Amino acid sequence: MDKQEIIVSIEHEGETIDTFVSNVCENISRSLAQSLIKEEKILVDGKVVKVSTKVHESQIVQVPIEI
């Protein structure tokens, strides 16, 4: 599955990964983001994360393109 890479900016520093993804990806709700994280389809710096993971500036979040 192809993934879109999003670099975390300072304005999103400290957000949980599900909130970050729903804020920057118009077509992904927070609940869908949570499901994709649990299915290990959303990665941070190439690693599987938990829904409660907080993002930090310059991290790379990979999100599936075909949603």
Protein backbone atom coordinates (compact mmCIF):
# COMPACT_ATOMS: atom_id res chain seq x y z
CA MET A 1 0.00 0.00 0.00
CA ASP A 2 1.35 3.41 -0.96
CA LYS A 3 1.77 5.94 1.82
CA GLN A 4 1.82 9.72 1.94
CA GLU A 5 4.60 11.18 4.09
CA ILE A 6 3.76 14.21 6.23
CA ILE A 7 6.41 16.10 8.20
CA VAL A 8 5.18 17.34 11.58
CA SER A 9 5.43 21.13 11.91
CA ILE A 10 5.91 23.06 15.16
CA GLU A 11 2.22 24.02 15.26
CA HIS A 12 1.29 20.35 15.77
CA GLU A 13 3.98 19.65 18.39
CA GLY A 14 2.60 17.49 21.22
CA GLU A 15 -0.65 16.42 19.53
CA THR A 16 -1.57 12.76 19.74
CA ILE A 17 -1.01 10.92 16.47
CA ASP A 18 -4.75 10.38 15.84
CA THR A 19 -5.51 14.09 16.34
CA PHE A 20 -2.58 15.09 14.13
CA VAL A 21 -3.66 12.84 11.27
CA SER A 22 -7.30 13.99 11.42
CA ASN A 23 -6.15 17.64 11.48
CA VAL A 24 -3.86 17.41 8.44
CA CYS A 25 -5.74 14.84 6.32
CA GLU A 26 -9.16 16.14 5.32
CA ASN A 27 -10.49 12.69 4.39
CA ILE A 28 -9.54 10.96 7.67
CA SER A 29 -11.63 11.37 10.81
CA ARG A 30 -10.11 10.90 14.23
CA SER A 31 -11.91 7.56 14.69
CA LEU A 32 -10.65 6.32 11.30
CA ALA A 33 -7.15 7.46 12.24
CA GLN A 34 -7.40 5.46 15.48
CA SER A 35 -8.44 2.35 13.54
CA LEU A 36 -5.61 2.76 11.02
CA ILE A 37 -3.09 3.20 13.86
CA LYS A 38 -4.34 0.02 15.58
CA GLU A 39 -4.08 -1.82 12.23
CA GLU A 40 -0.46 -0.59 12.01
CA LYS A 41 -1.18 1.32 8.77
CA ILE A 42 -0.04 4.70 10.11
CA LEU A 43 3.63 4.91 11.07
CA VAL A 44 5.83 7.55 12.70
CA ASP A 45 9.43 7.61 11.49
CA GLY A 46 8.79 4.18 9.97
CA LYS A 47 7.70 2.63 13.29
CA VAL A 48 4.40 1.28 14.58
CA VAL A 49 2.94 3.53 17.30
CA LYS A 50 0.08 3.59 19.79
CA VAL A 51 -2.92 5.92 19.49
CA SER A 52 -1.66 7.85 22.53
CA THR A 53 1.72 8.62 20.93
CA LYS A 54 2.48 12.34 20.74
CA VAL A 55 4.12 13.77 17.63
CA HIS A 56 7.10 16.11 17.60
CA GLU A 57 8.41 18.62 15.09
CA SER A 58 10.28 17.10 12.12
CA GLN A 59 8.94 13.57 12.63
CA ILE A 60 7.67 11.87 9.48
CA VAL A 61 4.17 10.41 9.62
CA GLN A 62 3.24 7.88 6.95
CA VAL A 63 -0.46 7.65 6.10
CA PRO A 64 -2.05 5.26 3.55
CA ILE A 65 -3.07 7.07 0.35
CA GLU A 66 -6.02 4.84 -0.61
CA ILE A 67 -8.59 5.80 2.03
